[in-house]
Amino acid sequence: MRYLTSISLALIVLMALAMGCASPIPSPTDTPLANLAFKLDVKIDPKDATEGSASSFNKGIELFEAENWSMAIDQFTLALQVNPQLKYAHYFRGNAYNHLEQYQRAVQDYDKEIELYPNDATSYVVRAAAYYNLGQYALSDADEAMACSLDSDWC
């Protein structure tokens, strides 16, 4: 994991989501970073979310895709105010914080995503990257091990 920067990790996440992978990130050893190209296509159906949260989440995704990290954070925050358990809202807000190099805030969002969805290996992987960027190598290693235990693609 240490060879991935938070930006390249985010590109892998976005590419995998666009490809419709069941596990939102392919194995980093299987994906040459130089060949990444993606179109983000993640939307929340309004029927699957509390009224108002889907709209804000979808706007957040559009802003995230446009690399407008601060405005994406604002939209994910609005979505979470309406529905604090909206899947992937903490995850993507954490990724936006990562892009802004606000790693501690990213960790807080990943913590919440893991609390809500503890069997999602991807959240452990991105939190490991944030911990690494904070210089918290033992915590990063522990999250990498947890991701591996949940999904062998991360081993």
Foldseek 3Di string as FASTA:
>chain_A
DVVDALVLLVLQLQAQQQVVPPQSGFQPVVDDSVPGDHDGDDADDCVRAFPPLRVLQVVLVVCVRVLVLVSSLVSLVRSCVRPVLPACSLVVNLSSCSVVVVLVSSLVSLVSNCVNPVLRLSSLQSNLNSCVSVVNNVSSVVSLVSSCVSPVSSD
